[in-house]
Amino acid sequence: MSGDGASGGKASRPRRADARRNEKTLLDAAAAVFVASGVDAPIRDIAAKAGVGTATIYRHFPTRADLIIAVYRHQIEECAEAGPSLLASSATPYAALGQWISRFVDFLVTKHGLAAVLRSDDAGFEALHTHFLDRLVPVCGRLIEAAVAVGEIRPGLQPYELMRGVGNLCIGAEHDPRYDARRLVDLLIAGLRRPG
C-alpha cells in the first residue's frame, strides 16, 4: 500500500499491543457514553469512563467526528466478531441470534448521531454504510441459518430485512421516553420462533 504512510514509515509499522489496547479502552468508553448520553456527550465524560485525561483522547482523535467514526468502525467489528462467538457459546442458535440483535441495538443507538456528524461528507458516510452492510449482513445471515437449521425459527427470513426492521424500530427512540424500542425488538425476535 504505497502512499498511505508518508510520515517516515511509521504508518507501515504494526502498532504495539498496549497501544491497541489503550485505543480499544477509549473506544469502548466512548461507545458506552454515546449509548447513555448521545454523541454530543462531553469529552470529559468519555475520558473519565476510560480513566484518562481529555488530552489523551484528543491525541488519538483530534475531532469529535474522528472519534465518532472510530467508535462506529470499532462497533461494527465488535458486532461482527460477536456473532460466531455467541453462536459457539450460547445454549441455542436462537439465543445467540437474540443476544446478537441486542448488541446490534446498542450499536444502532450509538450510530444515530453519526448522520448529523457526517452530513457534509456523503461519500464518507456512504463508505461507512457499505462497510457496515458488508461486515454485518453475513454475520446475521449465519445466525439466522443456524436457527433455521435446528428448527427454532421459520425459514425465509433475509438478514438484511431483519436488520432493517430492527433499525426502523430504533429510530427516534432516544428522543421519546414513552417509547421502548428494546421491548418492540424483543417482540420482533420472539415472533421469529416456530410454534411448537
C-alpha atoms as a PDB file:
ATOM      1  CA  MET A   1       0.000   0.000   0.000  1.00  0.00           C
ATOM      2  CA  SER A   2       2.206   2.798  -1.152  1.00  0.00           C
ATOM      3  CA  GLY A   3       1.284   6.372  -0.426  1.00  0.00           C
ATOM      4  CA  ASP A   4      -0.519   5.554   2.837  1.00  0.00           C
ATOM      5  CA  GLY A   5       2.273   6.221   5.271  1.00  0.00           C
ATOM      6  CA  ALA A   6       4.397   9.068   4.045  1.00  0.00           C
ATOM      7  CA  SER A   7       5.373  10.166   7.576  1.00  0.00           C
ATOM      8  CA  GLY A   8       8.750   8.470   7.846  1.00  0.00           C
ATOM      9  CA  GLY A   9       7.449   4.913   7.524  1.00  0.00           C
ATOM     10  CA  LYS A  10       5.638   4.998  10.861  1.00  0.00           C
ATOM     11  CA  ALA A  11       2.257   4.066   9.370  1.00  0.00           C
ATOM     12  CA  SER A  12       3.621   0.796   7.988  1.00  0.00           C
ATOM     13  CA  ARG A  13       4.844  -0.436  11.388  1.00  0.00           C
ATOM     14  CA  PRO A  14       2.364  -2.544  13.351  1.00  0.00           C
ATOM     15  CA  ARG A  15       1.107  -0.781  16.452  1.00  0.00           C
ATOM     16  CA  ARG A  16       2.202  -2.113  19.812  1.00  0.00           C
ATOM     17  CA  ALA A  17      -0.238  -4.335  21.665  1.00  0.00           C
ATOM     18  CA  ASP A  18      -0.553  -1.839  24.533  1.00  0.00           C
ATOM     19  CA  ALA A  19      -1.369   0.986  22.077  1.00  0.00           C
ATOM     20  CA  ARG A  20      -4.117  -1.165  20.526  1.00  0.00           C
ATOM     21  CA  ARG A  21      -5.461  -1.997  23.996  1.00  0.00           C
ATOM     22  CA  ASN A  22      -5.437   1.669  25.007  1.00  0.00           C
ATOM     23  CA  GLU A  23      -7.319   2.663  21.870  1.00  0.00           C
ATOM     24  CA  LYS A  24      -9.840  -0.139  22.437  1.00  0.00           C
ATOM     25  CA  THR A  25     -10.385   1.109  26.011  1.00  0.00           C
ATOM     26  CA  LEU A  26     -11.022   4.632  24.702  1.00  0.00           C
ATOM     27  CA  LEU A  27     -13.412   3.400  22.009  1.00  0.00           C
ATOM     28  CA  ASP A  28     -15.307   1.146  24.436  1.00  0.00           C
ATOM     29  CA  ALA A  29     -15.655   4.037  26.884  1.00  0.00           C
ATOM     30  CA  ALA A  30     -16.814   6.417  24.141  1.00  0.00           C
ATOM     31  CA  ALA A  31     -19.360   3.879  22.872  1.00  0.00           C
ATOM     32  CA  ALA A  32     -20.779   3.387  26.376  1.00  0.00           C
ATOM     33  CA  VAL A  33     -21.050   7.144  26.941  1.00  0.00           C
ATOM     34  CA  PHE A  34     -22.614   7.663  23.495  1.00  0.00           C
ATOM     35  CA  VAL A  35     -25.222   4.957  24.209  1.00  0.00           C
ATOM     36  CA  ALA A  36     -26.063   6.556  27.564  1.00  0.00           C
ATOM     37  CA  SER A  37     -25.854  10.253  26.617  1.00  0.00           C
ATOM     38  CA  GLY A  38     -25.673  10.586  22.831  1.00  0.00           C
ATOM     39  CA  VAL A  39     -22.803  11.559  20.556  1.00  0.00           C
ATOM     40  CA  ASP A  40     -22.770  15.120  21.897  1.00  0.00           C
ATOM     41  CA  ALA A  41     -21.717  13.907  25.361  1.00  0.00           C
ATOM     42  CA  PRO A  42     -18.800  15.886  26.839  1.00  0.00           C
ATOM     43  CA  ILE A  43     -15.345  14.518  26.046  1.00  0.00           C
ATOM     44  CA  ARG A  44     -14.516  14.768  29.780  1.00  0.00           C
ATOM     45  CA  ASP A  45     -17.224  12.111  30.447  1.00  0.00           C
ATOM     46  CA  ILE A  46     -15.547   9.753  27.984  1.00  0.00           C
ATOM     47  CA  ALA A  47     -12.121  10.487  29.488  1.00  0.00           C
ATOM     48  CA  ALA A  48     -13.433   9.767  33.000  1.00  0.00           C
ATOM     49  CA  LYS A  49     -15.010   6.476  31.877  1.00  0.00           C
ATOM     50  CA  ALA A  50     -11.743   5.453  30.161  1.00  0.00           C
ATOM     51  CA  GLY A  51      -9.626   6.573  33.123  1.00  0.00           C
ATOM     52  CA  VAL A  52      -7.535   9.009  31.079  1.00  0.00           C
ATOM     53  CA  GLY A  53      -7.226  12.759  30.627  1.00  0.00           C
ATOM     54  CA  THR A  54      -9.030  14.604  27.849  1.00  0.00           C
ATOM     55  CA  ALA A  55      -5.679  15.357  26.190  1.00  0.00           C
ATOM     56  CA  THR A  56      -5.206  11.617  25.619  1.00  0.00           C
ATOM     57  CA  ILE A  57      -8.490  11.430  23.737  1.00  0.00           C
ATOM     58  CA  TYR A  58      -7.627  14.465  21.602  1.00  0.00           C
ATOM     59  CA  ARG A  59      -4.203  12.981  20.861  1.00  0.00           C
ATOM     60  CA  HIS A  60      -5.862   9.857  19.424  1.00  0.00           C
ATOM     61  CA  PHE A  61      -8.919  11.607  17.925  1.00  0.00           C
ATOM     62  CA  PRO A  62      -8.346  15.305  17.135  1.00  0.00           C
ATOM     63  CA  THR A  63     -12.029  15.995  16.371  1.00  0.00           C
ATOM     64  CA  ARG A  64     -15.359  14.682  17.651  1.00  0.00           C
ATOM     65  CA  ALA A  65     -16.085  13.424  14.122  1.00  0.00           C
ATOM     66  CA  ASP A  66     -12.839  11.388  14.202  1.00  0.00           C
ATOM     67  CA  LEU A  67     -13.906   9.838  17.498  1.00  0.00           C
ATOM     68  CA  ILE A  68     -17.457   9.065  16.351  1.00  0.00           C
ATOM     69  CA  ILE A  69     -16.245   7.458  13.124  1.00  0.00           C
ATOM     70  CA  ALA A  70     -13.680   5.400  15.049  1.00  0.00           C
ATOM     71  CA  VAL A  71     -16.364   4.258  17.521  1.00  0.00           C
ATOM     72  CA  TYR A  72     -18.664   3.367  14.617  1.00  0.00           C
ATOM     73  CA  ARG A  73     -15.982   1.260  12.902  1.00  0.00           C
ATOM     74  CA  HIS A  74     -14.957  -0.306  16.216  1.00  0.00           C
ATOM     75  CA  GLN A  75     -18.544  -1.286  16.984  1.00  0.00           C
ATOM     76  CA  ILE A  76     -19.018  -2.765  13.515  1.00  0.00           C
ATOM     77  CA  GLU A  77     -16.004  -5.005  14.135  1.00  0.00           C
ATOM     78  CA  GLU A  78     -17.121  -5.938  17.662  1.00  0.00           C
ATOM     79  CA  CYS A  79     -20.613  -6.756  16.422  1.00  0.00           C
ATOM     80  CA  ALA A  80     -19.203  -8.815  13.525  1.00  0.00           C
ATOM     81  CA  GLU A  81     -16.860 -10.754  15.837  1.00  0.00           C
ATOM     82  CA  ALA A  82     -19.624 -11.339  18.405  1.00  0.00           C
ATOM     83  CA  GLY A  83     -21.765 -13.403  16.026  1.00  0.00           C
ATOM     84  CA  PRO A  84     -19.564 -16.520  15.760  1.00  0.00           C
ATOM     85  CA  SER A  85     -18.596 -16.222  19.426  1.00  0.00           C
ATOM     86  CA  LEU A  86     -22.236 -16.104  20.571  1.00  0.00           C
ATOM     87  CA  LEU A  87     -23.118 -18.996  18.271  1.00  0.00           C
ATOM     88  CA  ALA A  88     -20.379 -21.109  19.858  1.00  0.00           C
ATOM     89  CA  SER A  89     -21.183 -20.179  23.468  1.00  0.00           C
ATOM     90  CA  SER A  90     -24.995 -19.814  23.597  1.00  0.00           C
ATOM     91  CA  ALA A  91     -27.383 -22.595  24.565  1.00  0.00           C
ATOM     92  CA  THR A  92     -29.110 -22.437  21.162  1.00  0.00           C
ATOM     93  CA  PRO A  93     -28.711 -20.613  17.847  1.00  0.00           C
ATOM     94  CA  TYR A  94     -31.955 -18.716  18.595  1.00  0.00           C
ATOM     95  CA  ALA A  95     -30.471 -17.497  21.905  1.00  0.00           C
ATOM     96  CA  ALA A  96     -27.319 -16.425  20.041  1.00  0.00           C
ATOM     97  CA  LEU A  97     -29.429 -14.527  17.497  1.00  0.00           C
ATOM     98  CA  GLY A  98     -31.328 -12.740  20.279  1.00  0.00           C
ATOM     99  CA  GLN A  99     -28.117 -11.760  22.071  1.00  0.00           C
ATOM    100  CA  TRP A 100     -26.553 -10.572  18.825  1.00  0.00           C
ATOM    101  CA  ILE A 101     -29.612  -8.467  17.980  1.00  0.00           C
ATOM    102  CA  SER A 102     -29.370  -6.891  21.458  1.00  0.00           C
ATOM    103  CA  ARG A 103     -25.765  -5.880  20.701  1.00  0.00           C
ATOM    104  CA  PHE A 104     -26.885  -4.636  17.310  1.00  0.00           C
ATOM    105  CA  VAL A 105     -29.466  -2.392  19.033  1.00  0.00           C
ATOM    106  CA  ASP A 106     -26.677  -0.939  21.228  1.00  0.00           C
ATOM    107  CA  PHE A 107     -24.730  -0.257  18.064  1.00  0.00           C
ATOM    108  CA  LEU A 108     -27.720   1.432  16.412  1.00  0.00           C
ATOM    109  CA  VAL A 109     -28.244   3.726  19.395  1.00  0.00           C
ATOM    110  CA  THR A 110     -24.638   4.927  19.060  1.00  0.00           C
ATOM    111  CA  LYS A 111     -24.944   5.250  15.282  1.00  0.00           C
ATOM    112  CA  HIS A 112     -27.876   7.668  15.343  1.00  0.00           C
ATOM    113  CA  GLY A 113     -25.673  10.720  15.865  1.00  0.00           C
ATOM    114  CA  LEU A 114     -23.334   9.727  13.062  1.00  0.00           C
ATOM    115  CA  ALA A 115     -25.510  11.027  10.230  1.00  0.00           C
ATOM    116  CA  ALA A 116     -25.533  14.535  11.696  1.00  0.00           C
ATOM    117  CA  VAL A 117     -21.761  14.499  12.158  1.00  0.00           C
ATOM    118  CA  LEU A 118     -21.121  13.326   8.586  1.00  0.00           C
ATOM    119  CA  ARG A 119     -23.907  15.243   6.858  1.00  0.00           C
ATOM    120  CA  SER A 120     -21.371  17.298   4.903  1.00  0.00           C
ATOM    121  CA  ASP A 121     -19.485  14.184   3.766  1.00  0.00           C
ATOM    122  CA  ASP A 122     -21.955  11.985   1.906  1.00  0.00           C
ATOM    123  CA  ALA A 123     -19.177   9.921   0.321  1.00  0.00           C
ATOM    124  CA  GLY A 124     -17.640   9.197   3.733  1.00  0.00           C
ATOM    125  CA  PHE A 125     -20.994   8.236   5.181  1.00  0.00           C
ATOM    126  CA  GLU A 126     -21.752   6.006   2.179  1.00  0.00           C
ATOM    127  CA  ALA A 127     -18.398   4.220   2.566  1.00  0.00           C
ATOM    128  CA  LEU A 128     -19.108   3.553   6.257  1.00  0.00           C
ATOM    129  CA  HIS A 129     -22.602   2.310   5.477  1.00  0.00           C
ATOM    130  CA  THR A 130     -21.224  -0.055   2.821  1.00  0.00           C
ATOM    131  CA  HIS A 131     -18.652  -1.345   5.326  1.00  0.00           C
ATOM    132  CA  PHE A 132     -21.477  -1.806   7.861  1.00  0.00           C
ATOM    133  CA  LEU A 133     -23.511  -3.923   5.404  1.00  0.00           C
ATOM    134  CA  ASP A 134     -20.503  -5.909   4.145  1.00  0.00           C
ATOM    135  CA  ARG A 135     -19.482  -6.885   7.683  1.00  0.00           C
ATOM    136  CA  LEU A 136     -22.803  -7.364   9.490  1.00  0.00           C
ATOM    137  CA  VAL A 137     -25.304  -8.785   6.988  1.00  0.00           C
ATOM    138  CA  PRO A 138     -23.302 -12.048   6.541  1.00  0.00           C
ATOM    139  CA  VAL A 139     -22.986 -12.457  10.338  1.00  0.00           C
ATOM    140  CA  CYS A 140     -26.727 -12.001  10.824  1.00  0.00           C
ATOM    141  CA  GLY A 141     -27.277 -14.436   7.943  1.00  0.00           C
ATOM    142  CA  ARG A 142     -25.177 -17.144   9.621  1.00  0.00           C
ATOM    143  CA  LEU A 143     -27.113 -16.731  12.881  1.00  0.00           C
ATOM    144  CA  ILE A 144     -30.451 -16.977  11.070  1.00  0.00           C
ATOM    145  CA  GLU A 145     -29.301 -20.021   9.078  1.00  0.00           C
ATOM    146  CA  ALA A 146     -28.162 -21.792  12.252  1.00  0.00           C
ATOM    147  CA  ALA A 147     -31.509 -21.144  13.988  1.00  0.00           C
ATOM    148  CA  VAL A 148     -33.452 -22.296  10.896  1.00  0.00           C
ATOM    149  CA  ALA A 149     -31.289 -25.428  10.572  1.00  0.00           C
ATOM    150  CA  VAL A 150     -32.291 -26.650  14.047  1.00  0.00           C
ATOM    151  CA  GLY A 151     -35.934 -25.672  13.546  1.00  0.00           C
ATOM    152  CA  GLU A 152     -36.017 -22.792  16.054  1.00  0.00           C
ATOM    153  CA  ILE A 153     -37.219 -20.128  13.640  1.00  0.00           C
ATOM    154  CA  ARG A 154     -39.228 -20.087  10.444  1.00  0.00           C
ATOM    155  CA  PRO A 155     -37.270 -20.241   7.183  1.00  0.00           C
ATOM    156  CA  GLY A 156     -37.357 -17.473   4.586  1.00  0.00           C
ATOM    157  CA  LEU A 157     -36.175 -14.508   6.665  1.00  0.00           C
ATOM    158  CA  GLN A 158     -33.479 -12.437   4.955  1.00  0.00           C
ATOM    159  CA  PRO A 159     -30.758 -10.955   7.195  1.00  0.00           C
ATOM    160  CA  TYR A 160     -30.969  -7.519   5.580  1.00  0.00           C
ATOM    161  CA  GLU A 161     -34.722  -7.285   6.192  1.00  0.00           C
ATOM    162  CA  LEU A 162     -34.343  -8.325   9.844  1.00  0.00           C
ATOM    163  CA  MET A 163     -31.586  -5.768  10.397  1.00  0.00           C
ATOM    164  CA  ARG A 164     -33.593  -3.100   8.588  1.00  0.00           C
ATOM    165  CA  GLY A 165     -36.675  -3.904  10.676  1.00  0.00           C
ATOM    166  CA  VAL A 166     -34.695  -3.671  13.920  1.00  0.00           C
ATOM    167  CA  GLY A 167     -33.162  -0.408  12.723  1.00  0.00           C
ATOM    168  CA  ASN A 168     -36.573   1.043  11.923  1.00  0.00           C
ATOM    169  CA  LEU A 169     -37.854   0.126  15.388  1.00  0.00           C
ATOM    170  CA  CYS A 170     -34.927   2.031  16.925  1.00  0.00           C
ATOM    171  CA  ILE A 171     -35.468   5.292  15.011  1.00  0.00           C
ATOM    172  CA  GLY A 172     -36.314   8.156  17.332  1.00  0.00           C
ATOM    173  CA  ALA A 173     -36.287   6.022  20.486  1.00  0.00           C
ATOM    174  CA  GLU A 174     -33.651   8.206  22.121  1.00  0.00           C
ATOM    175  CA  HIS A 175     -35.939  11.257  21.948  1.00  0.00           C
ATOM    176  CA  ASP A 176     -39.145   9.728  23.335  1.00  0.00           C
ATOM    177  CA  PRO A 177     -39.097   8.324  26.890  1.00  0.00           C
ATOM    178  CA  ARG A 178     -42.549   6.762  26.303  1.00  0.00           C
ATOM    179  CA  TYR A 179     -41.186   4.568  23.520  1.00  0.00           C
ATOM    180  CA  ASP A 180     -39.231   1.430  24.408  1.00  0.00           C
ATOM    181  CA  ALA A 181     -37.582   0.217  21.212  1.00  0.00           C
ATOM    182  CA  ARG A 182     -35.891  -2.686  23.008  1.00  0.00           C
ATOM    183  CA  ARG A 183     -39.246  -4.102  24.086  1.00  0.00           C
ATOM    184  CA  LEU A 184     -40.504  -3.992  20.493  1.00  0.00           C
ATOM    185  CA  VAL A 185     -37.286  -5.530  19.173  1.00  0.00           C
ATOM    186  CA  ASP A 186     -37.705  -8.333  21.749  1.00  0.00           C
ATOM    187  CA  LEU A 187     -41.264  -8.882  20.497  1.00  0.00           C
ATOM    188  CA  LEU A 188     -39.991  -8.996  16.921  1.00  0.00           C
ATOM    189  CA  ILE A 189     -37.367 -11.612  17.801  1.00  0.00           C
ATOM    190  CA  ALA A 190     -39.922 -13.626  19.794  1.00  0.00           C
ATOM    191  CA  GLY A 191     -42.158 -13.599  16.728  1.00  0.00           C
ATOM    192  CA  LEU A 192     -39.490 -15.375  14.688  1.00  0.00           C
ATOM    193  CA  ARG A 193     -39.847 -18.566  16.747  1.00  0.00           C
ATOM    194  CA  ARG A 194     -41.502 -21.542  15.225  1.00  0.00           C
ATOM    195  CA  PRO A 195     -44.663 -22.525  17.070  1.00  0.00           C
ATOM    196  CA  GLY A 196     -44.473 -25.763  18.993  1.00  0.00           C
END
